[in-house]
């Protein structure tokens, strides 16, 4: 885009900047949400809760399934080698 186009779009710069920031925040949140080491740590913490009797077997199974689904989604999102 030329100089004239940039000047005409200058009033929209804050909106464009906000959109960029939001995209960066969402990308980082997804990266952390699907991080295998974070999911494995959560699985270990979940096992500790079960062993300590703080959650029952049904709650453990439900939350474990959610975490394993996240791992599976991460693998499906990864580009093929």
Protein backbone atom coordinates (compact mmCIF):
# COMPACT_ATOMS: atom_id res chain seq x y z
CA UNK A 1 0.00 0.00 0.00
CA UNK A 2 1.32 3.40 -0.84
CA UNK A 3 1.90 6.43 1.33
CA UNK A 4 -1.53 7.87 0.53
CA UNK A 5 -3.24 4.65 1.56
CA UNK A 6 -1.29 4.55 4.82
CA UNK A 7 -2.27 8.15 5.56
CA UNK A 8 -5.94 7.40 4.91
CA UNK A 9 -5.83 4.36 7.20
CA UNK A 10 -3.93 6.17 9.97
CA UNK A 11 -7.09 6.82 12.05
CA UNK A 12 -7.62 3.05 12.16
CA UNK A 13 -4.13 2.36 13.54
CA UNK A 14 -5.32 1.87 17.15
CA UNK A 15 -7.92 -0.66 16.01
CA UNK A 16 -5.39 -2.51 13.86
CA UNK A 17 -2.90 -2.46 16.74
CA UNK A 18 -5.47 -3.81 19.17
CA UNK A 19 -6.34 -6.60 16.74
CA UNK A 20 -2.67 -7.55 16.45
CA UNK A 21 -2.28 -7.62 20.25
CA UNK A 22 -5.38 -9.80 20.62
CA UNK A 23 -4.09 -12.24 18.00
CA UNK A 24 -0.77 -12.47 19.85
CA UNK A 25 -2.50 -13.09 23.19
CA UNK A 26 -4.71 -15.82 21.71
CA UNK A 27 -1.72 -17.48 20.03
CA UNK A 28 0.25 -17.53 23.30
CA UNK A 29 -2.74 -18.84 25.28
CA UNK A 30 -3.24 -21.67 22.77
CA UNK A 31 0.48 -22.46 22.87
CA UNK A 32 0.38 -22.80 26.67
CA UNK A 33 -2.95 -24.66 26.66
CA UNK A 34 -1.65 -27.33 24.27
CA UNK A 35 1.91 -27.51 25.70
CA UNK A 36 2.63 -31.23 26.27
CA UNK A 37 4.84 -30.60 29.31
CA UNK A 38 2.12 -28.48 30.95
CA UNK A 39 -0.46 -31.17 30.25
CA UNK A 40 1.82 -33.88 31.68
CA UNK A 41 2.37 -31.76 34.78
CA UNK A 42 -1.37 -31.38 35.17
CA UNK A 43 -1.78 -35.16 34.83
CA UNK A 44 0.79 -35.68 37.63
CA UNK A 45 -1.02 -33.14 39.82
CA UNK A 46 -4.30 -34.90 39.10
CA UNK A 47 -2.82 -38.25 40.16
CA UNK A 48 -1.65 -36.64 43.39
CA UNK A 49 -5.16 -35.37 44.07
CA UNK A 50 -6.56 -38.85 43.50
CA UNK A 51 -3.97 -40.48 45.77
CA UNK A 52 -4.63 -37.89 48.48
CA UNK A 53 -8.34 -38.63 48.28
CA UNK A 54 -9.23 -35.07 47.28
CA UNK A 55 -11.06 -36.27 44.15
CA UNK A 56 -12.84 -39.53 43.40
CA UNK A 57 -12.16 -41.95 40.57
CA UNK A 58 -14.97 -40.58 38.39
CA UNK A 59 -13.67 -37.00 38.65
CA UNK A 60 -10.14 -38.23 37.93
CA UNK A 61 -11.30 -40.11 34.83
CA UNK A 62 -13.27 -37.13 33.53
CA UNK A 63 -10.40 -34.67 33.97
CA UNK A 64 -7.82 -37.14 32.68
CA UNK A 65 -9.89 -37.63 29.51
CA UNK A 66 -10.00 -33.85 28.99
CA UNK A 67 -6.21 -33.59 29.33
CA UNK A 68 -5.59 -36.52 27.01
CA UNK A 69 -7.97 -34.97 24.47
CA UNK A 70 -5.86 -31.80 24.57
CA UNK A 71 -2.73 -33.84 23.88
CA UNK A 72 -4.45 -35.56 20.98
CA UNK A 73 -5.63 -32.24 19.55
CA UNK A 74 -2.08 -30.90 19.73
CA UNK A 75 -0.82 -33.89 17.77
CA UNK A 76 -3.50 -33.39 15.11
CA UNK A 77 -2.63 -29.69 14.83
CA UNK A 78 1.09 -30.38 14.39
CA UNK A 79 2.30 -30.25 10.79
CA UNK A 80 3.27 -33.66 9.32
CA UNK A 81 6.98 -34.39 9.18
